[in-house]
Amino acid sequence: MKFLANKRLATRIGIITTIITLAGMSLLWVVVSSNTASMVKKDITNQMTDAVESRAAIINEYVASVEEYVTAFALGRQVRDLLLDPENPELVENAQKYTEEFASVKGIFEGLYIATPVTHVLTHTSQGAIGITTREGDSLKTFQDTILSEQQLTNLGIMKSPGTGSMILSMYYPVFEGQECIGYAGAGVYASHLMDSLTNLSIEGLPQSEYAFLNVSSGVYLYHEDDTLLNTETTDQGYLEILRQIRETGSTDAGTYFYEDENGVDRMVVYKYLKDREWVFMVRCLQRCHIGAHDSGLAVRRRGFCGYSADPSDFTQGKPGAHDRGAGYRPSGRFKSLCGQ
């Protein structure tokens, strides 16, 4: 009897020990899984936020350099000489040569030209545009009262060229003689050159992502990989909410926004408001992703988006501007994105 009692006691102890061990291991798994998910979220958020910040800097530097280039053209002696004596054939010839040579240096212009205050084109990189008048009536008066009212460059941003249909950066620089505007230099710079430089830069671990440029005031696409969307207002609910938030706060900090698109797919967007230009630059993950953690044989895979393997409650959903970058955190390289696998 004593032997049987001892055996039953040993069995009970074994069961209790097993239960405690399993409970401890389960708790450990939950803690490790939660920490892993949090680190992965920070890792991917860091990558995308850093990518947006760096690309926004590239955009500003590119546009600023183009503005300086157009200004340099407008301040050329040939431009002023022609505008002071537009009927002089020798000056017209010299200015036309100057226009063509200046434009050929970088090859970024859809069009570069010199025109009078009534928008009569004197020189142009496209011979067919020479001699035309681009504005009349109220349109001309508005142009003269705004763009030609001060001697400073005006950048109207990205728009569709009426001549070629290409998306261009439209710029004007008026030339003054004393207090009088004697004419201006105009330029259309291919926006595709800027976007090509951006799309050639991949985001590590997130190959399936898309770029978009929108005008904050109008919600119109200034750039999208789908050409049919150019110059149209966005209907994407995530993008619309980001625009609403930017208009409300005016924040220029890089932000993140999480939402479910019209197809029921969870999306993440990282964006940066370029306040001086009234543009917002966005990077959006295109597909559901998973993250694998490979250090100690532990594999964590959960339903997620943009590389996140975390519980939805771990995110600040529907709240633009929640950066969650983690103070002092830097990606450790322990995580491997398995997007699309």
Protein backbone atom coordinates (compact mmCIF):
# COMPACT_ATOMS: atom_id res chain seq x y z
CA MET A 1 0.00 0.00 0.00
CA LYS A 2 2.78 2.38 0.93
CA PHE A 3 4.46 1.71 -2.42
CA LEU A 4 1.27 2.53 -4.33
CA ALA A 5 0.78 5.74 -2.31
CA ASN A 6 4.33 6.84 -3.07
CA LYS A 7 3.81 6.02 -6.73
CA ARG A 8 0.63 8.11 -6.89
CA LEU A 9 2.42 11.01 -5.14
CA ALA A 10 5.29 10.81 -7.59
CA THR A 11 2.83 10.85 -10.48
CA ARG A 12 1.09 13.93 -9.09
CA ILE A 13 4.42 15.71 -8.60
CA GLY A 14 5.42 14.82 -12.16
CA ILE A 15 2.16 16.18 -13.56
CA ILE A 16 2.42 19.40 -11.53
CA THR A 17 6.05 19.84 -12.59
CA THR A 18 5.09 19.30 -16.22
CA ILE A 19 2.25 21.83 -15.97
CA ILE A 20 4.52 24.42 -14.35
CA THR A 21 7.20 23.80 -16.99
CA LEU A 22 4.71 24.13 -19.85
CA ALA A 23 3.22 27.26 -18.30
CA GLY A 24 6.69 28.76 -17.92
CA MET A 25 7.62 27.92 -21.50
CA SER A 26 4.34 29.38 -22.77
CA LEU A 27 4.94 32.58 -20.85
CA LEU A 28 8.49 32.75 -22.15
CA TRP A 29 7.23 32.26 -25.70
CA VAL A 30 4.68 35.05 -25.30
CA VAL A 31 7.33 37.43 -23.89
CA VAL A 32 9.90 36.58 -26.58
CA SER A 33 7.27 36.75 -29.33
CA SER A 34 6.01 40.13 -28.12
CA ASN A 35 9.53 41.56 -27.88
CA THR A 36 10.41 40.17 -31.30
CA ALA A 37 7.29 41.67 -32.86
CA SER A 38 8.05 45.05 -31.30
CA MET A 39 11.64 45.00 -32.53
CA VAL A 40 10.54 43.97 -36.01
CA LYS A 41 8.00 46.78 -36.13
CA LYS A 42 10.67 49.29 -35.15
CA ASP A 43 13.07 47.81 -37.69
CA ILE A 44 10.70 48.15 -40.63
CA THR A 45 9.35 51.52 -39.50
CA ASN A 46 12.92 52.81 -39.21
CA GLN A 47 13.76 51.60 -42.70
CA MET A 48 10.71 53.18 -44.33
CA THR A 49 10.87 56.43 -42.34
CA ASP A 50 14.59 56.84 -43.05
CA ALA A 51 13.88 56.11 -46.72
CA VAL A 52 11.19 58.80 -46.88
CA GLU A 53 13.38 61.34 -45.06
CA SER A 54 16.35 60.71 -47.34
CA ARG A 55 14.26 60.79 -50.50
CA ALA A 56 12.52 64.00 -49.41
CA ALA A 57 15.98 65.53 -49.03
CA ILE A 58 16.86 64.34 -52.55
CA ILE A 59 13.67 65.93 -53.87
CA ASN A 60 14.40 69.27 -52.25
CA GLU A 61 18.01 69.27 -53.40
CA TYR A 62 17.04 68.33 -56.96
CA VAL A 63 14.34 70.99 -57.24
CA ALA A 64 16.56 73.62 -55.64
CA SER A 65 19.36 72.84 -58.09
CA VAL A 66 16.98 73.11 -61.04
CA GLU A 67 15.67 76.45 -59.72
CA GLU A 68 19.24 77.72 -59.52
CA TYR A 69 19.91 76.51 -63.05
CA VAL A 70 16.83 78.28 -64.46
CA THR A 71 17.77 81.44 -62.55
CA ALA A 72 21.27 81.32 -64.01
CA PHE A 73 19.80 81.04 -67.50
CA ALA A 74 17.47 84.00 -66.92
CA LEU A 75 20.31 86.19 -65.67
CA GLY A 76 22.41 85.57 -68.76
CA ARG A 77 23.47 88.61 -70.75
CA GLN A 78 21.88 87.22 -73.92
CA VAL A 79 18.44 87.17 -72.28
CA ARG A 80 18.55 90.78 -71.11
CA ASP A 81 19.99 92.05 -74.41
CA LEU A 82 17.21 90.36 -76.38
CA LEU A 83 14.41 91.56 -74.11
CA LEU A 84 15.68 95.16 -74.39
CA ASP A 85 15.69 94.91 -78.21
CA PRO A 86 13.48 91.96 -79.25
CA GLU A 87 13.33 92.99 -82.92
CA ASN A 88 17.10 92.79 -83.43
CA PRO A 89 17.73 89.68 -85.58
CA GLU A 90 21.33 89.32 -84.43
CA LEU A 91 20.26 89.34 -80.78
CA VAL A 92 17.48 86.85 -81.56
CA GLU A 93 20.00 84.51 -83.19
CA ASN A 94 22.46 84.81 -80.30
CA ALA A 95 19.72 84.24 -77.70
CA GLN A 96 18.33 81.23 -79.57
CA LYS A 97 21.78 79.65 -79.67
CA TYR A 98 22.23 80.44 -75.97
CA THR A 99 18.85 78.83 -75.16
CA GLU A 100 19.60 75.63 -77.06
CA GLU A 101 23.13 75.26 -75.70
CA PHE A 102 22.06 75.95 -72.12
CA ALA A 103 19.28 73.37 -72.32
CA SER A 104 21.54 70.71 -73.82
CA VAL A 105 24.00 70.74 -70.92
CA LYS A 106 21.82 68.75 -68.54
CA GLY A 107 19.11 67.46 -70.84
CA ILE A 108 16.39 67.93 -68.24
CA PHE A 109 14.18 70.43 -70.06
CA GLU A 110 10.93 69.68 -71.80
CA GLY A 111 11.15 73.30 -72.86
CA LEU A 112 13.33 76.34 -72.15
CA TYR A 113 12.50 79.75 -73.61
CA ILE A 114 12.55 83.55 -73.47
CA ALA A 115 9.36 85.57 -73.79
CA THR A 116 8.10 89.14 -73.62
CA PRO A 117 5.79 90.47 -70.87
CA VAL A 118 2.79 89.69 -73.12
CA THR A 119 4.01 86.04 -73.27
CA HIS A 120 5.18 86.26 -76.90
CA VAL A 121 7.87 83.58 -77.26
CA LEU A 122 11.16 84.89 -78.72
CA THR A 123 13.36 81.79 -78.34
CA HIS A 124 12.54 78.20 -77.49
CA THR A 125 14.21 74.80 -77.51
CA SER A 126 11.32 73.68 -79.72
CA GLN A 127 11.40 75.65 -82.97
CA GLY A 128 7.65 75.26 -83.47
CA ALA A 129 6.92 77.25 -80.30
CA ILE A 130 8.81 80.35 -81.41
CA GLY A 131 6.49 83.22 -82.27
CA ILE A 132 3.41 82.01 -80.38
CA THR A 133 1.69 83.95 -77.61
CA THR A 134 0.79 81.70 -74.69
CA ARG A 135 -1.70 83.89 -72.78
CA GLU A 136 -4.34 86.47 -73.52
CA GLY A 137 -7.07 88.37 -71.70
CA ASP A 138 -7.67 87.63 -68.03
CA SER A 139 -5.13 84.82 -68.03
CA LEU A 140 -2.42 87.20 -69.22
CA LYS A 141 -3.35 89.88 -66.68
CA THR A 142 -3.27 87.39 -63.82
CA PHE A 143 0.11 86.13 -65.01
CA GLN A 144 1.51 89.67 -65.17
CA ASP A 145 0.06 90.68 -61.80
CA THR A 146 1.48 87.66 -59.99
CA ILE A 147 4.39 85.86 -61.59
CA LEU A 148 5.82 88.90 -63.40
CA SER A 149 5.27 91.34 -60.53
CA GLU A 150 8.59 90.66 -58.74
CA GLN A 151 12.05 89.64 -59.85
CA GLN A 152 12.13 86.21 -58.26
CA LEU A 153 11.73 82.69 -59.48
CA THR A 154 8.26 81.16 -59.31
CA ASN A 155 7.96 77.38 -59.22
CA LEU A 156 4.38 76.29 -59.92
CA GLY A 157 5.19 72.70 -59.03
CA ILE A 158 4.50 69.54 -61.00
CA MET A 159 1.83 69.77 -63.69
CA LYS A 160 0.87 68.31 -67.03
CA SER A 161 2.49 70.03 -70.00
CA PRO A 162 -0.14 71.34 -72.44
CA GLY A 163 2.33 70.78 -75.28
CA THR A 164 3.56 67.23 -74.73
CA GLY A 165 1.33 65.84 -71.96
CA SER A 166 4.43 65.04 -69.87
CA MET A 167 4.52 65.84 -66.16
CA ILE A 168 6.86 68.78 -65.69
CA LEU A 169 8.09 71.26 -63.09
CA SER A 170 6.91 74.63 -64.40
CA MET A 171 9.15 77.61 -63.57
CA TYR A 172 9.34 81.29 -64.46
CA TYR A 173 11.89 84.01 -63.79
CA PRO A 174 10.98 87.61 -64.72
CA VAL A 175 13.70 90.00 -65.90
CA PHE A 176 13.52 93.65 -64.83
CA GLU A 177 15.04 96.84 -66.11
CA GLY A 178 14.75 99.20 -63.18
CA GLN A 179 11.18 98.83 -61.92
CA GLU A 180 9.82 97.52 -65.22
CA CYS A 181 9.47 93.86 -66.20
CA ILE A 182 10.87 93.54 -69.72
CA GLY A 183 10.19 89.84 -70.11
CA TYR A 184 10.91 86.49 -68.54
CA ALA A 185 12.55 83.11 -68.89
CA GLY A 186 10.32 80.06 -68.71
CA ALA A 187 11.17 76.40 -68.22
CA GLY A 188 9.46 73.06 -68.14
CA VAL A 189 11.63 70.46 -66.39
CA TYR A 190 10.78 66.78 -66.79
CA ALA A 191 9.47 65.46 -63.48
CA SER A 192 10.32 61.95 -64.62
CA HIS A 193 14.04 62.70 -64.18
CA LEU A 194 13.40 63.33 -60.51
CA MET A 195 11.22 60.26 -60.02
CA ASP A 196 13.62 58.01 -61.91
CA SER A 197 16.36 58.96 -59.47
CA LEU A 198 14.06 58.00 -56.58
CA THR A 199 12.64 54.75 -57.92
CA ASN A 200 16.14 53.49 -58.65
CA LEU A 201 16.79 53.58 -54.89
CA SER A 202 15.33 50.44 -53.31
CA ILE A 203 14.32 50.15 -49.67
CA GLU A 204 16.22 47.30 -48.02
CA GLY A 205 13.89 44.45 -47.11
CA LEU A 206 10.91 46.13 -48.80
CA PRO A 207 11.26 45.63 -52.55
CA GLN A 208 7.49 45.78 -53.11
CA SER A 209 6.73 49.41 -52.39
CA GLU A 210 5.39 52.32 -54.40
CA TYR A 211 6.04 56.04 -54.46
CA ALA A 212 3.42 58.74 -54.83
CA PHE A 213 3.47 62.55 -54.94
CA LEU A 214 0.31 64.50 -54.21
CA ASN A 215 -0.58 68.15 -54.07
CA VAL A 216 -1.74 68.71 -50.50
CA SER A 217 -4.28 71.41 -51.35
CA SER A 218 -5.97 69.69 -54.28
CA GLY A 219 -5.29 66.01 -53.60
CA VAL A 220 -4.13 65.62 -57.20
CA TYR A 221 -1.50 63.02 -58.08
CA LEU A 222 1.68 64.74 -59.21
CA TYR A 223 3.42 61.39 -59.60
CA HIS A 224 2.31 57.79 -59.51
CA GLU A 225 3.67 54.66 -61.12
CA ASP A 226 0.26 54.23 -62.76
CA ASP A 227 0.31 56.96 -65.41
CA THR A 228 -3.49 56.96 -65.68
CA LEU A 229 -3.67 58.50 -62.21
CA LEU A 230 -1.50 61.51 -63.05
CA ASN A 231 -3.27 64.84 -62.73
CA THR A 232 -6.34 63.18 -61.15
CA GLU A 233 -7.62 63.49 -57.58
CA THR A 234 -6.86 60.56 -55.32
CA THR A 235 -9.72 58.37 -54.12
CA ASP A 236 -7.53 56.20 -51.89
CA GLN A 237 -9.01 56.44 -48.40
CA GLY A 238 -5.61 56.19 -46.72
CA TYR A 239 -4.12 58.96 -48.83
CA LEU A 240 -7.19 61.16 -48.26
CA GLU A 241 -6.89 60.76 -44.50
CA ILE A 242 -3.19 61.64 -44.60
CA LEU A 243 -3.97 64.77 -46.62
CA ARG A 244 -6.70 65.74 -44.15
CA GLN A 245 -4.30 65.34 -41.24
CA ILE A 246 -1.56 67.38 -42.94
CA ARG A 247 -3.98 70.22 -43.70
CA GLU A 248 -5.11 70.16 -40.10
CA THR A 249 -1.71 70.06 -38.39
CA GLY A 250 0.76 71.31 -41.00
CA SER A 251 3.36 68.97 -39.50
CA THR A 252 6.50 68.45 -41.59
CA ASP A 253 7.68 65.45 -39.56
CA ALA A 254 7.75 62.09 -41.31
CA GLY A 255 4.66 60.13 -40.29
CA THR A 256 3.19 56.65 -40.59
CA TYR A 257 -0.39 55.64 -41.29
CA PHE A 258 -1.99 52.20 -41.18
CA TYR A 259 -5.29 51.36 -42.82
CA GLU A 260 -7.30 48.74 -44.69
CA ASP A 261 -7.74 49.46 -48.39
CA GLU A 262 -10.85 48.89 -50.51
CA ASN A 263 -9.78 45.28 -51.12
CA GLY A 264 -9.54 44.55 -47.41
CA VAL A 265 -5.72 44.50 -47.46
CA ASP A 266 -3.85 46.08 -44.55
CA ARG A 267 -1.55 48.85 -45.74
CA MET A 268 1.19 50.98 -44.27
CA VAL A 269 2.16 54.40 -45.64
CA VAL A 270 5.12 56.51 -44.57
CA TYR A 271 4.90 60.11 -45.70
CA LYS A 272 6.69 63.46 -45.59
CA TYR A 273 5.09 66.86 -46.11
CA LEU A 274 7.22 69.26 -48.17
CA LYS A 275 5.60 72.42 -46.86
CA ASP A 276 7.46 74.94 -49.03
CA ARG A 277 6.18 73.20 -52.14
CA GLU A 278 2.76 72.04 -50.90
CA TRP A 279 3.62 68.44 -51.82
CA VAL A 280 3.43 65.25 -49.82
CA PHE A 281 5.77 62.39 -50.67
CA MET A 282 4.55 58.90 -49.77
CA VAL A 283 5.92 55.37 -49.75
CA ARG A 284 3.40 52.54 -49.42
CA CYS A 285 4.01 48.83 -48.99
CA LEU A 286 2.23 46.92 -51.77
CA GLN A 287 1.71 43.45 -50.30
CA ARG A 288 1.25 41.47 -47.14
CA CYS A 289 4.56 40.41 -45.70
CA HIS A 290 5.95 38.21 -42.99
CA ILE A 291 8.99 38.48 -40.80
CA GLY A 292 11.16 35.58 -39.82
CA ALA A 293 13.34 35.75 -36.71
CA HIS A 294 16.22 33.36 -37.11
CA ASP A 295 18.46 33.54 -34.07
CA SER A 296 17.84 30.56 -31.77
CA GLY A 297 15.64 28.46 -33.98
CA LEU A 298 12.61 30.57 -33.15
CA ALA A 299 10.35 31.31 -36.10
CA VAL A 300 7.61 33.85 -35.64
CA ARG A 301 5.01 34.34 -38.37
CA ARG A 302 1.79 36.19 -37.94
CA ARG A 303 -0.63 37.86 -40.26
CA GLY A 304 0.71 41.35 -40.80
CA PHE A 305 1.56 44.00 -43.31
CA CYS A 306 4.67 45.60 -44.69
CA GLY A 307 6.92 43.17 -42.91
CA TYR A 308 5.34 43.52 -39.47
CA SER A 309 4.64 40.34 -37.53
CA ALA A 310 2.84 41.81 -34.59
CA ASP A 311 -0.56 41.87 -32.99
CA PRO A 312 -2.74 44.65 -34.47
CA SER A 313 -3.03 46.20 -31.01
CA ASP A 314 0.72 46.79 -31.15
CA PHE A 315 0.17 49.48 -33.78
CA THR A 316 -1.26 52.97 -33.59
CA GLN A 317 -3.86 52.27 -36.25
CA GLY A 318 -5.59 55.11 -38.03
CA LYS A 319 -3.42 57.79 -36.43
CA PRO A 320 -1.08 59.61 -38.82
CA GLY A 321 2.09 60.89 -37.28
CA ALA A 322 2.68 57.89 -35.00
CA HIS A 323 6.34 57.39 -35.77
CA ASP A 324 7.25 54.82 -33.12
CA ARG A 325 10.86 54.76 -34.19
CA GLY A 326 12.22 53.86 -30.78
CA ALA A 327 14.76 56.09 -29.12
CA GLY A 328 18.28 55.16 -30.10
CA TYR A 329 17.09 52.06 -31.93
CA ARG A 330 18.99 50.86 -34.96
CA PRO A 331 18.22 47.79 -37.07
CA SER A 332 20.36 44.89 -35.89
CA GLY A 333 20.19 42.77 -39.01
CA ARG A 334 18.68 39.86 -37.09
CA PHE A 335 15.44 39.93 -39.04
CA LYS A 336 14.91 38.91 -42.60
CA SER A 337 11.99 40.17 -44.61
CA LEU A 338 10.14 37.39 -46.39
CA CYS A 339 7.87 39.60 -48.48
CA GLY A 340 6.02 37.68 -51.10
CA GLN A 341 7.31 34.26 -49.99
